[in-house]
Every structure is written in C-alpha cells, then in structure tokens.
Amino acid sequence: MTAPHQTHLTAEYDSAAQARAIERSIRPEIDDIEGDRTTARLGRDGQRVELTVAATDLVALRAGINTWLTLRGVAEDALVGRK
C-alpha cells in the first residue's frame, strides 16, 4: 500500500509503567485492524507512546485516527479504573 497521508500521535504518561500498560493494551490491535487503505505503527519510548497512522486517502486517515484515538482512550480509562 502506498500511503501518502500520515499523522504521528504521541502521548506522554506519568510513568514508564503506565506507558507500557497502554502500549500492551493496544498492540494486539495493530495487525487486526489494518486494512487495504490504512496502516498503523506503535512504539514506546519510556513514558511516551507513539502511534503513526498512514492512509491512502484523507477519509481513510481520518477514520484511522478516530479508531486509534478511541482505542487509546479506552486503554487509558481502563488504566485509571485500576488505580
């Protein structure tokens, strides 16, 4: 897939342990959600979780961004609920 459109999303957490929990929560979705028009890459560097969404067109990019922000939000809500 040629993906001329992309965005890079970064979230920083209070601790590396929190960032690791968020990353582990959404990592399984990386291979399950990718389609013909979008891809996503996930990484973590200490307290930061970085997500890059790439797409063949802007409509697919918007949909991909919405999907990944929602998944990250659910993971964050679940983490807060554990405290």
C-alpha atoms as a PDB file:
ATOM      1  CA  MET A   1       0.000   0.000   0.000  1.00  0.00           C
ATOM      2  CA  THR A   2       1.271   3.431  -0.882  1.00  0.00           C
ATOM      3  CA  ALA A   3       0.259   5.785   1.920  1.00  0.00           C
ATOM      4  CA  PRO A   4       0.852   9.433   1.009  1.00  0.00           C
ATOM      5  CA  HIS A   5      -1.028  10.689   4.073  1.00  0.00           C
ATOM      6  CA  GLN A   6       0.047  10.114   7.659  1.00  0.00           C
ATOM      7  CA  THR A   7      -0.109  11.521  11.144  1.00  0.00           C
ATOM      8  CA  HIS A   8       2.028  10.926  14.182  1.00  0.00           C
ATOM      9  CA  LEU A   9       0.326  10.858  17.598  1.00  0.00           C
ATOM     10  CA  THR A  10       2.323  10.983  20.824  1.00  0.00           C
ATOM     11  CA  ALA A  11       1.028  10.676  24.383  1.00  0.00           C
ATOM     12  CA  GLU A  12       3.193  11.078  27.456  1.00  0.00           C
ATOM     13  CA  TYR A  13       2.238   9.393  30.731  1.00  0.00           C
ATOM     14  CA  ASP A  14       3.247   9.872  34.357  1.00  0.00           C
ATOM     15  CA  SER A  15       5.457   6.790  34.336  1.00  0.00           C
ATOM     16  CA  ALA A  16       7.048   4.267  32.015  1.00  0.00           C
ATOM     17  CA  ALA A  17       4.863   1.597  33.640  1.00  0.00           C
ATOM     18  CA  GLN A  18       1.708   3.457  32.594  1.00  0.00           C
ATOM     19  CA  ALA A  19       3.014   3.914  29.061  1.00  0.00           C
ATOM     20  CA  ARG A  20       3.894   0.213  28.898  1.00  0.00           C
ATOM     21  CA  ALA A  21       0.377  -0.749  30.033  1.00  0.00           C
ATOM     22  CA  ILE A  22      -1.197   1.461  27.358  1.00  0.00           C
ATOM     23  CA  GLU A  23       1.106   0.094  24.668  1.00  0.00           C
ATOM     24  CA  ARG A  24       0.409  -3.512  25.660  1.00  0.00           C
ATOM     25  CA  SER A  25      -3.318  -2.821  25.658  1.00  0.00           C
ATOM     26  CA  ILE A  26      -3.451  -1.563  22.090  1.00  0.00           C
ATOM     27  CA  ARG A  27      -0.587  -3.514  20.456  1.00  0.00           C
ATOM     28  CA  PRO A  28      -2.724  -6.613  19.666  1.00  0.00           C
ATOM     29  CA  GLU A  29      -4.986  -4.430  17.536  1.00  0.00           C
ATOM     30  CA  ILE A  30      -2.198  -3.349  15.178  1.00  0.00           C
ATOM     31  CA  ASP A  31      -2.400  -6.466  12.990  1.00  0.00           C
ATOM     32  CA  ASP A  32      -6.134  -6.988  13.447  1.00  0.00           C
ATOM     33  CA  ILE A  33      -7.354  -3.553  12.346  1.00  0.00           C
ATOM     34  CA  GLU A  34      -5.127  -2.739   9.384  1.00  0.00           C
ATOM     35  CA  GLY A  35      -6.950  -2.699   6.091  1.00  0.00           C
ATOM     36  CA  ASP A  36      -6.331  -2.027   2.433  1.00  0.00           C
ATOM     37  CA  ARG A  37      -6.312   1.743   2.968  1.00  0.00           C
ATOM     38  CA  THR A  38      -4.707   2.272   6.397  1.00  0.00           C
ATOM     39  CA  THR A  39      -1.803   1.015   8.457  1.00  0.00           C
ATOM     40  CA  ALA A  40      -0.578   1.848  11.937  1.00  0.00           C
ATOM     41  CA  ARG A  41       2.756   1.605  13.732  1.00  0.00           C
ATOM     42  CA  LEU A  42       3.072   1.665  17.502  1.00  0.00           C
ATOM     43  CA  GLY A  43       6.117   2.366  19.614  1.00  0.00           C
ATOM     44  CA  ARG A  44       7.059   3.297  23.153  1.00  0.00           C
ATOM     45  CA  ASP A  45       9.994   5.286  24.443  1.00  0.00           C
ATOM     46  CA  GLY A  46       9.997   5.478  28.229  1.00  0.00           C
ATOM     47  CA  GLN A  47       6.908   7.445  29.243  1.00  0.00           C
ATOM     48  CA  ARG A  48       5.818   8.113  25.648  1.00  0.00           C
ATOM     49  CA  VAL A  49       3.572   6.039  23.443  1.00  0.00           C
ATOM     50  CA  GLU A  50       3.881   6.903  19.774  1.00  0.00           C
ATOM     51  CA  LEU A  51       1.408   5.927  17.096  1.00  0.00           C
ATOM     52  CA  THR A  52       1.722   6.612  13.383  1.00  0.00           C
ATOM     53  CA  VAL A  53      -1.342   6.194  11.194  1.00  0.00           C
ATOM     54  CA  ALA A  54      -0.841   6.138   7.419  1.00  0.00           C
ATOM     55  CA  ALA A  55      -3.501   6.008   4.727  1.00  0.00           C
ATOM     56  CA  THR A  56      -4.016   6.103   1.003  1.00  0.00           C
ATOM     57  CA  ASP A  57      -6.582   8.912   1.243  1.00  0.00           C
ATOM     58  CA  LEU A  58      -7.750  11.536   3.715  1.00  0.00           C
ATOM     59  CA  VAL A  59     -11.067   9.854   4.507  1.00  0.00           C
ATOM     60  CA  ALA A  60      -9.238   6.661   5.492  1.00  0.00           C
ATOM     61  CA  LEU A  61      -6.719   8.700   7.501  1.00  0.00           C
ATOM     62  CA  ARG A  62      -9.498  10.382   9.494  1.00  0.00           C
ATOM     63  CA  ALA A  63     -11.164   7.038  10.154  1.00  0.00           C
ATOM     64  CA  GLY A  64      -7.857   5.509  11.221  1.00  0.00           C
ATOM     65  CA  ILE A  65      -7.061   8.393  13.555  1.00  0.00           C
ATOM     66  CA  ASN A  66     -10.513   8.148  15.144  1.00  0.00           C
ATOM     67  CA  THR A  67     -10.133   4.388  15.618  1.00  0.00           C
ATOM     68  CA  TRP A  68      -6.704   4.596  17.250  1.00  0.00           C
ATOM     69  CA  LEU A  69      -7.566   7.560  19.463  1.00  0.00           C
ATOM     70  CA  THR A  70     -10.646   5.687  20.659  1.00  0.00           C
ATOM     71  CA  LEU A  71      -8.628   2.547  21.417  1.00  0.00           C
ATOM     72  CA  ARG A  72      -6.003   4.570  23.262  1.00  0.00           C
ATOM     73  CA  GLY A  73      -8.742   6.357  25.221  1.00  0.00           C
ATOM     74  CA  VAL A  74     -10.327   3.078  26.276  1.00  0.00           C
ATOM     75  CA  ALA A  75      -6.922   1.787  27.408  1.00  0.00           C
ATOM     76  CA  GLU A  76      -6.353   4.982  29.393  1.00  0.00           C
ATOM     77  CA  ASP A  77      -9.794   4.746  31.006  1.00  0.00           C
ATOM     78  CA  ALA A  78      -9.140   1.133  31.965  1.00  0.00           C
ATOM     79  CA  LEU A  79      -5.780   2.079  33.464  1.00  0.00           C
ATOM     80  CA  VAL A  80      -7.328   4.845  35.573  1.00  0.00           C
ATOM     81  CA  GLY A  81     -10.023   2.427  36.720  1.00  0.00           C
ATOM     82  CA  ARG A  82      -7.328   0.096  38.061  1.00  0.00           C
ATOM     83  CA  LYS A  83      -5.868   2.670  40.441  1.00  0.00           C
END
